Amino acid sequence: MSILKEKKELFSSFFESVTGDEICAAGQPALDKDVAELLLSDLETKLLEILQEGKKIMRHSKRHVLTTGDVDASFKKLTIKVGQSAF
């Protein structure tokens, strides 16, 4: 079972916006539930990858608390651009 599906209440607003009226209002067609599930699993994979890299950076810095700087450094190391929208 996936981590995000267990904590679905945390991502319910994201899941509803992917399948709901917000995308239709943006001029995009609504997504099927299957497509939304695929997007959610892709999101889960990316989040886990980012957090694992951030934890690795944290351990190399000999700290026990994950900081936003660690996550930012993991974005840079994984060459993920922050702030770009798909729309």
N, C-alpha and C. Protein backbone atom coordinates (compact mmCIF):
# COMPACT_ATOMS: atom_id res chain seq x y z
N MET A 1 0.85 -1.18 0.00
CA MET A 1 0.00 0.00 0.00
C MET A 1 0.89 1.24 0.00
N SER A 2 0.52 2.24 -0.76
CA SER A 2 1.36 3.43 -0.86
C SER A 2 1.19 4.33 0.35
N ILE A 3 2.21 5.10 0.60
CA ILE A 3 2.21 6.00 1.74
C ILE A 3 1.16 7.08 1.59
N LEU A 4 1.06 7.64 0.37
CA LEU A 4 0.10 8.73 0.15
C LEU A 4 -1.34 8.26 0.21
N LYS A 5 -1.59 7.03 -0.21
CA LYS A 5 -2.96 6.53 -0.13
C LYS A 5 -3.38 6.32 1.31
N GLU A 6 -2.43 5.96 2.18
CA GLU A 6 -2.74 5.80 3.59
C GLU A 6 -3.06 7.16 4.21
N LYS A 7 -2.42 8.20 3.75
CA LYS A 7 -2.64 9.56 4.27
C LYS A 7 -3.45 10.38 3.27
N LYS A 8 -4.45 9.77 2.68
CA LYS A 8 -5.20 10.41 1.61
C LYS A 8 -5.88 11.70 2.06
N GLU A 9 -6.23 11.81 3.34
CA GLU A 9 -6.88 13.03 3.81
C GLU A 9 -5.95 14.23 3.66
N LEU A 10 -4.63 14.00 3.73
CA LEU A 10 -3.69 15.10 3.55
C LEU A 10 -3.67 15.59 2.10
N PHE A 11 -3.93 14.68 1.19
CA PHE A 11 -3.85 15.02 -0.23
C PHE A 11 -5.22 15.07 -0.89
N SER A 12 -6.27 15.12 -0.08
CA SER A 12 -7.61 15.10 -0.66
C SER A 12 -7.87 16.34 -1.50
N SER A 13 -7.37 17.49 -1.07
CA SER A 13 -7.59 18.71 -1.87
C SER A 13 -6.87 18.62 -3.21
N PHE A 14 -5.65 18.04 -3.20
CA PHE A 14 -4.94 17.85 -4.46
C PHE A 14 -5.69 16.88 -5.35
N PHE A 15 -6.11 15.76 -4.78
CA PHE A 15 -6.79 14.72 -5.55
C PHE A 15 -8.10 15.26 -6.13
N GLU A 16 -8.84 16.04 -5.35
CA GLU A 16 -10.10 16.60 -5.84
C GLU A 16 -9.86 17.63 -6.92
N SER A 17 -8.78 18.42 -6.80
CA SER A 17 -8.51 19.42 -7.83
C SER A 17 -8.07 18.78 -9.13
N VAL A 18 -7.43 17.63 -9.05
CA VAL A 18 -7.03 16.93 -10.27
C VAL A 18 -8.24 16.37 -10.98
N THR A 19 -9.21 15.90 -10.22
CA THR A 19 -10.37 15.28 -10.83
C THR A 19 -11.58 16.21 -10.90
N GLY A 20 -11.51 17.37 -10.26
CA GLY A 20 -12.69 18.19 -10.10
C GLY A 20 -12.83 19.34 -11.06
N ASP A 21 -13.61 20.33 -10.62
CA ASP A 21 -14.01 21.44 -11.46
C ASP A 21 -12.91 22.49 -11.64
N GLU A 22 -11.90 22.49 -10.80
CA GLU A 22 -10.86 23.52 -10.91
C GLU A 22 -10.11 23.42 -12.24
N ILE A 23 -9.86 22.20 -12.69
CA ILE A 23 -9.17 22.03 -13.96
C ILE A 23 -10.09 22.43 -15.11
N CYS A 24 -11.36 22.10 -15.00
CA CYS A 24 -12.32 22.51 -16.04
C CYS A 24 -12.40 24.03 -16.12
N ALA A 25 -12.33 24.71 -14.99
CA ALA A 25 -12.38 26.16 -14.99
C ALA A 25 -11.14 26.75 -15.65
N ALA A 26 -10.02 26.02 -15.61
CA ALA A 26 -8.79 26.49 -16.24
C ALA A 26 -8.78 26.18 -17.73
N GLY A 27 -9.84 25.60 -18.24
CA GLY A 27 -9.92 25.30 -19.66
C GLY A 27 -9.37 23.93 -20.02
N GLN A 28 -9.06 23.12 -19.03
CA GLN A 28 -8.53 21.79 -19.27
C GLN A 28 -9.64 20.77 -19.00
N PRO A 29 -9.66 19.70 -19.74
CA PRO A 29 -10.68 18.67 -19.48
C PRO A 29 -10.40 17.95 -18.16
N ALA A 30 -11.46 17.50 -17.50
CA ALA A 30 -11.31 16.78 -16.24
C ALA A 30 -10.62 15.44 -16.50
N LEU A 31 -9.86 14.98 -15.52
CA LEU A 31 -9.13 13.74 -15.65
C LEU A 31 -9.95 12.57 -15.12
N ASP A 32 -9.75 11.42 -15.74
CA ASP A 32 -10.37 10.21 -15.23
C ASP A 32 -9.75 9.86 -13.89
N LYS A 33 -10.46 9.05 -13.13
CA LYS A 33 -9.95 8.63 -11.83
C LYS A 33 -8.66 7.82 -11.99
N ASP A 34 -8.57 7.02 -13.04
CA ASP A 34 -7.36 6.22 -13.28
C ASP A 34 -6.15 7.12 -13.54
N VAL A 35 -6.35 8.16 -14.32
CA VAL A 35 -5.27 9.09 -14.62
C VAL A 35 -4.85 9.83 -13.35
N ALA A 36 -5.82 10.23 -12.55
CA ALA A 36 -5.51 10.91 -11.30
C ALA A 36 -4.72 10.00 -10.37
N GLU A 37 -5.06 8.72 -10.33
CA GLU A 37 -4.32 7.75 -9.51
C GLU A 37 -2.89 7.62 -10.00
N LEU A 38 -2.69 7.62 -11.32
CA LEU A 38 -1.34 7.56 -11.87
C LEU A 38 -0.53 8.80 -11.51
N LEU A 39 -1.18 9.96 -11.59
CA LEU A 39 -0.50 11.19 -11.20
C LEU A 39 -0.13 11.17 -9.72
N LEU A 40 -1.02 10.66 -8.90
CA LEU A 40 -0.77 10.57 -7.47
C LEU A 40 0.39 9.63 -7.18
N SER A 41 0.46 8.51 -7.89
CA SER A 41 1.58 7.59 -7.67
C SER A 41 2.90 8.21 -8.15
N ASP A 42 2.85 8.99 -9.24
CA ASP A 42 4.05 9.68 -9.71
C ASP A 42 4.48 10.73 -8.70
N LEU A 43 3.53 11.45 -8.14
CA LEU A 43 3.82 12.44 -7.11
C LEU A 43 4.45 11.78 -5.90
N GLU A 44 3.92 10.63 -5.52
CA GLU A 44 4.46 9.90 -4.39
C GLU A 44 5.92 9.52 -4.63
N THR A 45 6.21 9.03 -5.82
CA THR A 45 7.57 8.63 -6.17
C THR A 45 8.53 9.81 -6.10
N LYS A 46 8.11 10.94 -6.66
CA LYS A 46 8.96 12.15 -6.66
C LYS A 46 9.18 12.67 -5.24
N LEU A 47 8.12 12.70 -4.42
CA LEU A 47 8.25 13.18 -3.05
C LEU A 47 9.20 12.29 -2.23
N LEU A 48 9.06 10.98 -2.39
CA LEU A 48 9.94 10.08 -1.67
C LEU A 48 11.38 10.25 -2.11
N GLU A 49 11.61 10.43 -3.39
CA GLU A 49 12.96 10.63 -3.91
C GLU A 49 13.57 11.92 -3.34
N ILE A 50 12.77 12.99 -3.32
CA ILE A 50 13.25 14.27 -2.78
C ILE A 50 13.56 14.16 -1.29
N LEU A 51 12.67 13.52 -0.54
CA LEU A 51 12.89 13.38 0.90
C LEU A 51 14.07 12.47 1.22
N GLN A 52 14.25 11.41 0.45
CA GLN A 52 15.39 10.53 0.67
C GLN A 52 16.70 11.28 0.43
N GLU A 53 16.74 12.07 -0.63
CA GLU A 53 17.94 12.85 -0.92
C GLU A 53 18.17 13.91 0.17
N GLY A 54 17.10 14.53 0.63
CA GLY A 54 17.21 15.52 1.72
C GLY A 54 17.73 14.89 3.00
N LYS A 55 17.25 13.68 3.32
CA LYS A 55 17.74 12.98 4.50
C LYS A 55 19.20 12.61 4.36
N LYS A 56 19.62 12.26 3.16
CA LYS A 56 21.02 11.95 2.92
C LYS A 56 21.90 13.18 3.16
N ILE A 57 21.44 14.33 2.66
CA ILE A 57 22.17 15.58 2.87
C ILE A 57 22.21 15.93 4.35
N MET A 58 21.10 15.71 5.05
CA MET A 58 21.05 15.98 6.49
C MET A 58 22.06 15.12 7.24
N ARG A 59 22.12 13.83 6.91
CA ARG A 59 23.06 12.94 7.59
C ARG A 59 24.51 13.31 7.29
N HIS A 60 24.80 13.73 6.06
CA HIS A 60 26.16 14.14 5.71
C HIS A 60 26.55 15.40 6.47
N SER A 61 25.57 16.21 6.84
CA SER A 61 25.83 17.43 7.62
C SER A 61 25.87 17.14 9.12
N LYS A 62 25.68 15.85 9.49
CA LYS A 62 25.70 15.40 10.89
C LYS A 62 24.66 16.11 11.75
N ARG A 63 23.46 16.23 11.16
CA ARG A 63 22.33 16.80 11.90
C ARG A 63 21.24 15.76 12.01
N HIS A 64 20.30 16.02 12.92
CA HIS A 64 19.20 15.09 13.14
C HIS A 64 17.85 15.68 12.78
N VAL A 65 17.86 16.90 12.25
CA VAL A 65 16.62 17.56 11.87
C VAL A 65 16.71 17.94 10.40
N LEU A 66 15.71 17.53 9.64
CA LEU A 66 15.64 17.87 8.22
C LEU A 66 15.20 19.32 8.08
N THR A 67 15.98 20.11 7.37
CA THR A 67 15.66 21.53 7.21
C THR A 67 15.18 21.81 5.79
N THR A 68 14.64 22.99 5.61
CA THR A 68 14.22 23.39 4.26
C THR A 68 15.42 23.52 3.34
N GLY A 69 16.57 23.85 3.91
CA GLY A 69 17.79 23.91 3.11
C GLY A 69 18.18 22.55 2.56
N ASP A 70 17.95 21.51 3.35
CA ASP A 70 18.23 20.15 2.88
C ASP A 70 17.32 19.78 1.71
N VAL A 71 16.06 20.13 1.84
CA VAL A 71 15.11 19.83 0.77
C VAL A 71 15.44 20.66 -0.48
N ASP A 72 15.80 21.93 -0.28
CA ASP A 72 16.19 22.78 -1.40
C ASP A 72 17.42 22.23 -2.09
N ALA A 73 18.40 21.77 -1.32
CA ALA A 73 19.61 21.18 -1.90
C ALA A 73 19.27 19.90 -2.66
N SER A 74 18.31 19.13 -2.17
CA SER A 74 17.91 17.91 -2.89
C SER A 74 17.22 18.25 -4.20
N PHE A 75 16.43 19.34 -4.24
CA PHE A 75 15.84 19.79 -5.49
C PHE A 75 16.94 20.13 -6.50
N LYS A 76 17.96 20.84 -6.02
CA LYS A 76 19.06 21.25 -6.91
C LYS A 76 19.85 20.03 -7.38
N LYS A 77 20.11 19.09 -6.48
CA LYS A 77 20.88 17.91 -6.85
C LYS A 77 20.12 17.04 -7.84
N LEU A 78 18.82 16.95 -7.67
CA LEU A 78 17.99 16.14 -8.57
C LEU A 78 17.56 16.93 -9.81
N THR A 79 18.01 18.17 -9.92
CA THR A 79 17.68 19.09 -11.01
C THR A 79 16.18 19.20 -11.25
N ILE A 80 15.46 19.44 -10.15
CA ILE A 80 14.02 19.67 -10.23
C ILE A 80 13.80 21.17 -10.12
N LYS A 81 13.11 21.73 -11.09
CA LYS A 81 12.84 23.17 -11.08
C LYS A 81 11.60 23.44 -10.26
N VAL A 82 11.72 24.36 -9.33
CA VAL A 82 10.62 24.69 -8.41
C VAL A 82 9.88 25.90 -8.95
N GLY A 83 8.56 25.86 -8.85
CA GLY A 83 7.75 27.03 -9.19
C GLY A 83 7.24 27.05 -10.60
N GLN A 84 7.43 26.00 -11.37
CA GLN A 84 6.90 25.97 -12.73
C GLN A 84 5.59 25.23 -12.74
N SER A 85 4.64 25.79 -13.42
CA SER A 85 3.31 25.19 -13.48
C SER A 85 3.14 24.44 -14.78
N ALA A 86 2.30 23.42 -14.74
CA ALA A 86 2.01 22.64 -15.95
C ALA A 86 1.04 23.37 -16.86
N PHE A 87 0.37 24.41 -16.32
CA PHE A 87 -0.63 25.12 -17.10
C PHE A 87 0.00 26.29 -17.76
